[in-house]
Amino acid sequence: MDLTDGLGYEPFDAGSLAESWRFERAMPAYCAALDREGLQLALAAAERGREVPDGSWRR
């Protein structure tokens, strides 16, 4: 996290590898430009097996 912080990014621990499905295609956090709070909300809103509408992540 020190490396990404040093590059000007805000590091965020999104959880374990077992929870990485929350970032997959068709999940609320997928390819979305979010701030820290928005990312936390999107990850919390993800439900395994329930996809957001196709293409809704394209803005």
PDB file of N, CA and C in Angstrom:
ATOM      1  N   MET A   1       0.814  -1.188   0.000  1.00  0.00           N
ATOM      2  CA  MET A   1       0.000   0.000   0.000  1.00  0.00           C
ATOM      3  C   MET A   1       0.862   1.258   0.000  1.00  0.00           C
ATOM      4  N   ASP A   2       2.049   1.177   0.577  1.00  0.00           N
ATOM      5  CA  ASP A   2       2.940   2.343   0.580  1.00  0.00           C
ATOM      6  C   ASP A   2       3.306   2.757  -0.843  1.00  0.00           C
ATOM      7  N   LEU A   3       3.529   1.780  -1.720  1.00  0.00           N
ATOM      8  CA  LEU A   3       3.888   2.074  -3.105  1.00  0.00           C
ATOM      9  C   LEU A   3       2.754   2.828  -3.804  1.00  0.00           C
ATOM     10  N   THR A   4       1.535   2.326  -3.714  1.00  0.00           N
ATOM     11  CA  THR A   4       0.426   2.999  -4.395  1.00  0.00           C
ATOM     12  C   THR A   4       0.157   4.364  -3.780  1.00  0.00           C
ATOM     13  N   ASP A   5       0.302   4.477  -2.480  1.00  0.00           N
ATOM     14  CA  ASP A   5       0.131   5.766  -1.821  1.00  0.00           C
ATOM     15  C   ASP A   5       1.186   6.751  -2.315  1.00  0.00           C
ATOM     16  N   GLY A   6       2.417   6.273  -2.474  1.00  0.00           N
ATOM     17  CA  GLY A   6       3.501   7.114  -2.962  1.00  0.00           C
ATOM     18  C   GLY A   6       3.298   7.575  -4.393  1.00  0.00           C
ATOM     19  N   LEU A   7       2.521   6.828  -5.167  1.00  0.00           N
ATOM     20  CA  LEU A   7       2.235   7.191  -6.558  1.00  0.00           C
ATOM     21  C   LEU A   7       1.036   8.132  -6.668  1.00  0.00           C
ATOM     22  N   GLY A   8       0.420   8.443  -5.527  1.00  0.00           N
ATOM     23  CA  GLY A   8      -0.698   9.377  -5.529  1.00  0.00           C
ATOM     24  C   GLY A   8      -2.067   8.730  -5.513  1.00  0.00           C
ATOM     25  N   TYR A   9      -2.104   7.433  -5.349  1.00  0.00           N
ATOM     26  CA  TYR A   9      -3.384   6.740  -5.272  1.00  0.00           C
ATOM     27  C   TYR A   9      -3.743   6.501  -3.812  1.00  0.00           C
ATOM     28  N   GLU A  10      -5.014   6.344  -3.535  1.00  0.00           N
ATOM     29  CA  GLU A  10      -5.446   6.061  -2.169  1.00  0.00           C
ATOM     30  C   GLU A  10      -5.664   4.555  -2.035  1.00  0.00           C
ATOM     31  N   PRO A  11      -4.765   3.859  -1.347  1.00  0.00           N
ATOM     32  CA  PRO A  11      -4.914   2.402  -1.200  1.00  0.00           C
ATOM     33  C   PRO A  11      -6.199   2.044  -0.457  1.00  0.00           C
ATOM     34  N   PHE A  12      -6.756   0.907  -0.817  1.00  0.00           N
ATOM     35  CA  PHE A  12      -7.985   0.443  -0.187  1.00  0.00           C
ATOM     36  C   PHE A  12      -7.930  -1.070  -0.086  1.00  0.00           C
ATOM     37  N   ASP A  13      -8.055  -1.604   1.095  1.00  0.00           N
ATOM     38  CA  ASP A  13      -8.072  -3.052   1.304  1.00  0.00           C
ATOM     39  C   ASP A  13      -9.505  -3.528   1.112  1.00  0.00           C
ATOM     40  N   ALA A  14      -9.741  -4.205   0.005  1.00  0.00           N
ATOM     41  CA  ALA A  14     -11.094  -4.650  -0.327  1.00  0.00           C
ATOM     42  C   ALA A  14     -11.403  -6.045   0.195  1.00  0.00           C
ATOM     43  N   GLY A  15     -10.512  -6.612   0.975  1.00  0.00           N
ATOM     44  CA  GLY A  15     -10.784  -7.916   1.564  1.00  0.00           C
ATOM     45  C   GLY A  15      -9.893  -9.009   1.022  1.00  0.00           C
ATOM     46  N   SER A  16     -10.267 -10.208   1.338  1.00  0.00           N
ATOM     47  CA  SER A  16      -9.462 -11.383   0.992  1.00  0.00           C
ATOM     48  C   SER A  16      -9.686 -11.818  -0.456  1.00  0.00           C
ATOM     49  N   LEU A  17      -8.847 -12.731  -0.893  1.00  0.00           N
ATOM     50  CA  LEU A  17      -8.983 -13.286  -2.234  1.00  0.00           C
ATOM     51  C   LEU A  17     -10.340 -13.985  -2.386  1.00  0.00           C
ATOM     52  N   ALA A  18     -10.826 -14.571  -1.317  1.00  0.00           N
ATOM     53  CA  ALA A  18     -12.130 -15.243  -1.357  1.00  0.00           C
ATOM     54  C   ALA A  18     -13.270 -14.266  -1.635  1.00  0.00           C
ATOM     55  N   GLU A  19     -13.069 -12.986  -1.360  1.00  0.00           N
ATOM     56  CA  GLU A  19     -14.084 -11.969  -1.597  1.00  0.00           C
ATOM     57  C   GLU A  19     -13.868 -11.225  -2.922  1.00  0.00           C
ATOM     58  N   SER A  20     -12.887 -11.638  -3.713  1.00  0.00           N
ATOM     59  CA  SER A  20     -12.556 -10.925  -4.948  1.00  0.00           C
ATOM     60  C   SER A  20     -13.672 -10.958  -5.996  1.00  0.00           C
ATOM     61  N   TRP A  21     -14.618 -11.868  -5.856  1.00  0.00           N
ATOM     62  CA  TRP A  21     -15.746 -11.912  -6.799  1.00  0.00           C
ATOM     63  C   TRP A  21     -16.525 -10.602  -6.792  1.00  0.00           C
ATOM     64  N   ARG A  22     -16.406  -9.813  -5.729  1.00  0.00           N
ATOM     65  CA  ARG A  22     -17.130  -8.548  -5.637  1.00  0.00           C
ATOM     66  C   ARG A  22     -16.663  -7.523  -6.678  1.00  0.00           C
ATOM     67  N   PHE A  23     -15.477  -7.777  -7.281  1.00  0.00           N
ATOM     68  CA  PHE A  23     -14.931  -6.898  -8.320  1.00  0.00           C
ATOM     69  C   PHE A  23     -15.173  -7.436  -9.728  1.00  0.00           C
ATOM     70  N   GLU A  24     -15.773  -8.587  -9.856  1.00  0.00           N
ATOM     71  CA  GLU A  24     -15.930  -9.214 -11.171  1.00  0.00           C
ATOM     72  C   GLU A  24     -16.864  -8.419 -12.071  1.00  0.00           C
ATOM     73  N   ARG A  25     -16.830  -8.782 -13.367  1.00  0.00           N
ATOM     74  CA  ARG A  25     -17.723  -8.171 -14.346  1.00  0.00           C
ATOM     75  C   ARG A  25     -19.166  -8.320 -13.881  1.00  0.00           C
ATOM     76  N   ALA A  26     -19.933  -7.299 -14.111  1.00  0.00           N
ATOM     77  CA  ALA A  26     -21.365  -7.266 -13.787  1.00  0.00           C
ATOM     78  C   ALA A  26     -21.647  -7.171 -12.292  1.00  0.00           C
ATOM     79  N   MET A  27     -20.664  -6.738 -11.526  1.00  0.00           N
ATOM     80  CA  MET A  27     -20.875  -6.429 -10.114  1.00  0.00           C
ATOM     81  C   MET A  27     -20.840  -4.907  -9.960  1.00  0.00           C
ATOM     82  N   PRO A  28     -21.441  -4.349  -8.926  1.00  0.00           N
ATOM     83  CA  PRO A  28     -21.553  -2.891  -8.796  1.00  0.00           C
ATOM     84  C   PRO A  28     -20.231  -2.122  -8.839  1.00  0.00           C
ATOM     85  N   ALA A  29     -19.131  -2.708  -8.399  1.00  0.00           N
ATOM     86  CA  ALA A  29     -17.852  -1.982  -8.367  1.00  0.00           C
ATOM     87  C   ALA A  29     -17.037  -2.156  -9.649  1.00  0.00           C
ATOM     88  N   TYR A  30     -17.514  -2.958 -10.594  1.00  0.00           N
ATOM     89  CA  TYR A  30     -16.751  -3.276 -11.801  1.00  0.00           C
ATOM     90  C   TYR A  30     -16.581  -2.055 -12.704  1.00  0.00           C
ATOM     91  N   CYS A  31     -15.355  -1.701 -12.981  1.00  0.00           N
ATOM     92  CA  CYS A  31     -15.008  -0.622 -13.916  1.00  0.00           C
ATOM     93  C   CYS A  31     -15.734   0.688 -13.614  1.00  0.00           C
ATOM     94  N   ALA A  32     -15.955   0.981 -12.369  1.00  0.00           N
ATOM     95  CA  ALA A  32     -16.644   2.210 -11.996  1.00  0.00           C
ATOM     96  C   ALA A  32     -15.662   3.148 -11.303  1.00  0.00           C
ATOM     97  N   ALA A  33     -15.678   4.407 -11.685  1.00  0.00           N
ATOM     98  CA  ALA A  33     -14.839   5.413 -11.034  1.00  0.00           C
ATOM     99  C   ALA A  33     -15.535   5.827  -9.736  1.00  0.00           C
ATOM    100  N   LEU A  34     -15.031   5.332  -8.630  1.00  0.00           N
ATOM    101  CA  LEU A  34     -15.668   5.559  -7.340  1.00  0.00           C
ATOM    102  C   LEU A  34     -14.680   6.147  -6.346  1.00  0.00           C
ATOM    103  N   ASP A  35     -15.169   6.951  -5.440  1.00  0.00           N
ATOM    104  CA  ASP A  35     -14.319   7.386  -4.340  1.00  0.00           C
ATOM    105  C   ASP A  35     -14.336   6.283  -3.277  1.00  0.00           C
ATOM    106  N   ARG A  36     -13.630   6.493  -2.187  1.00  0.00           N
ATOM    107  CA  ARG A  36     -13.513   5.466  -1.148  1.00  0.00           C
ATOM    108  C   ARG A  36     -14.888   5.022  -0.632  1.00  0.00           C
ATOM    109  N   GLU A  37     -15.736   5.982  -0.312  1.00  0.00           N
ATOM    110  CA  GLU A  37     -17.060   5.652   0.212  1.00  0.00           C
ATOM    111  C   GLU A  37     -17.910   4.921  -0.828  1.00  0.00           C
ATOM    112  N   GLY A  38     -17.844   5.384  -2.081  1.00  0.00           N
ATOM    113  CA  GLY A  38     -18.594   4.741  -3.149  1.00  0.00           C
ATOM    114  C   GLY A  38     -18.145   3.311  -3.381  1.00  0.00           C
ATOM    115  N   LEU A  39     -16.832   3.078  -3.290  1.00  0.00           N
ATOM    116  CA  LEU A  39     -16.303   1.722  -3.460  1.00  0.00           C
ATOM    117  C   LEU A  39     -16.772   0.825  -2.326  1.00  0.00           C
ATOM    118  N   GLN A  40     -16.729   1.320  -1.105  1.00  0.00           N
ATOM    119  CA  GLN A  40     -17.205   0.530   0.036  1.00  0.00           C
ATOM    120  C   GLN A  40     -18.671   0.155  -0.150  1.00  0.00           C
ATOM    121  N   LEU A  41     -19.482   1.109  -0.589  1.00  0.00           N
ATOM    122  CA  LEU A  41     -20.910   0.843  -0.804  1.00  0.00           C
ATOM    123  C   LEU A  41     -21.135  -0.154  -1.937  1.00  0.00           C
ATOM    124  N   ALA A  42     -20.383   0.002  -3.027  1.00  0.00           N
ATOM    125  CA  ALA A  42     -20.542  -0.904  -4.167  1.00  0.00           C
ATOM    126  C   ALA A  42     -20.130  -2.326  -3.803  1.00  0.00           C
ATOM    127  N   LEU A  43     -19.052  -2.469  -3.067  1.00  0.00           N
ATOM    128  CA  LEU A  43     -18.610  -3.802  -2.647  1.00  0.00           C
ATOM    129  C   LEU A  43     -19.633  -4.434  -1.709  1.00  0.00           C
ATOM    130  N   ALA A  44     -20.185  -3.641  -0.812  1.00  0.00           N
ATOM    131  CA  ALA A  44     -21.191  -4.152   0.122  1.00  0.00           C
ATOM    132  C   ALA A  44     -22.483  -4.526  -0.601  1.00  0.00           C
ATOM    133  N   ALA A  45     -22.789  -3.845  -1.698  1.00  0.00           N
ATOM    134  CA  ALA A  45     -24.022  -4.111  -2.448  1.00  0.00           C
ATOM    135  C   ALA A  45     -23.930  -5.346  -3.328  1.00  0.00           C
ATOM    136  N   ALA A  46     -22.717  -5.821  -3.587  1.00  0.00           N
ATOM    137  CA  ALA A  46     -22.544  -6.985  -4.464  1.00  0.00           C
ATOM    138  C   ALA A  46     -23.174  -8.220  -3.838  1.00  0.00           C
ATOM    139  N   GLU A  47     -23.890  -8.963  -4.663  1.00  0.00           N
ATOM    140  CA  GLU A  47     -24.500 -10.220  -4.242  1.00  0.00           C
ATOM    141  C   GLU A  47     -24.051 -11.311  -5.201  1.00  0.00           C
ATOM    142  N   ARG A  48     -23.499 -12.371  -4.658  1.00  0.00           N
ATOM    143  CA  ARG A  48     -23.006 -13.462  -5.502  1.00  0.00           C
ATOM    144  C   ARG A  48     -24.155 -14.019  -6.346  1.00  0.00           C
ATOM    145  N   GLY A  49     -23.921 -14.110  -7.648  1.00  0.00           N
ATOM    146  CA  GLY A  49     -24.924 -14.649  -8.554  1.00  0.00           C
ATOM    147  C   GLY A  49     -25.938 -13.637  -9.050  1.00  0.00           C
ATOM    148  N   ARG A  50     -25.902 -12.427  -8.534  1.00  0.00           N
ATOM    149  CA  ARG A  50     -26.841 -11.392  -8.993  1.00  0.00           C
ATOM    150  C   ARG A  50     -26.049 -10.305  -9.704  1.00  0.00           C
ATOM    151  N   GLU A  51     -26.226 -10.213 -11.004  1.00  0.00           N
ATOM    152  CA  GLU A  51     -25.470  -9.263 -11.814  1.00  0.00           C
ATOM    153  C   GLU A  51     -26.248  -7.970 -12.019  1.00  0.00           C
ATOM    154  N   VAL A  52     -25.505  -6.881 -12.170  1.00  0.00           N
ATOM    155  CA  VAL A  52     -26.138  -5.613 -12.540  1.00  0.00           C
ATOM    156  C   VAL A  52     -26.492  -5.724 -14.026  1.00  0.00           C
ATOM    157  N   PRO A  53     -27.411  -4.894 -14.529  1.00  0.00           N
ATOM    158  CA  PRO A  53     -27.801  -4.974 -15.943  1.00  0.00           C
ATOM    159  C   PRO A  53     -26.576  -4.873 -16.877  1.00  0.00           C
ATOM    160  N   ASP A  54     -26.601  -5.652 -17.930  1.00  0.00           N
ATOM    161  CA  ASP A  54     -25.498  -5.706 -18.892  1.00  0.00           C
ATOM    162  C   ASP A  54     -25.153  -4.320 -19.401  1.00  0.00           C
ATOM    163  N   GLY A  55     -23.897  -3.956 -19.271  1.00  0.00           N
ATOM    164  CA  GLY A  55     -23.408  -2.689 -19.778  1.00  0.00           C
ATOM    165  C   GLY A  55     -23.619  -1.500 -18.869  1.00  0.00           C
ATOM    166  N   SER A  56     -24.265  -1.694 -17.728  1.00  0.00           N
ATOM    167  CA  SER A  56     -24.535  -0.547 -16.851  1.00  0.00           C
ATOM    168  C   SER A  56     -23.261   0.022 -16.250  1.00  0.00           C
ATOM    169  N   TRP A  57     -22.165  -0.723 -16.278  1.00  0.00           N
ATOM    170  CA  TRP A  57     -20.904  -0.227 -15.750  1.00  0.00           C
ATOM    171  C   TRP A  57     -20.211   0.695 -16.749  1.00  0.00           C
ATOM    172  N   ARG A  58     -20.675   0.715 -17.993  1.00  0.00           N
ATOM    173  CA  ARG A  58     -20.099   1.626 -18.994  1.00  0.00           C
ATOM    174  C   ARG A  58     -20.739   2.993 -18.829  1.00  0.00           C
ATOM    175  N   ARG A  59     -19.931   4.001 -18.623  1.00  0.00           N
ATOM    176  CA  ARG A  59     -20.490   5.343 -18.406  1.00  0.00           C
ATOM    177  C   ARG A  59     -20.008   6.292 -19.457  1.00  0.00           C
TER     178      ARG A  59
END
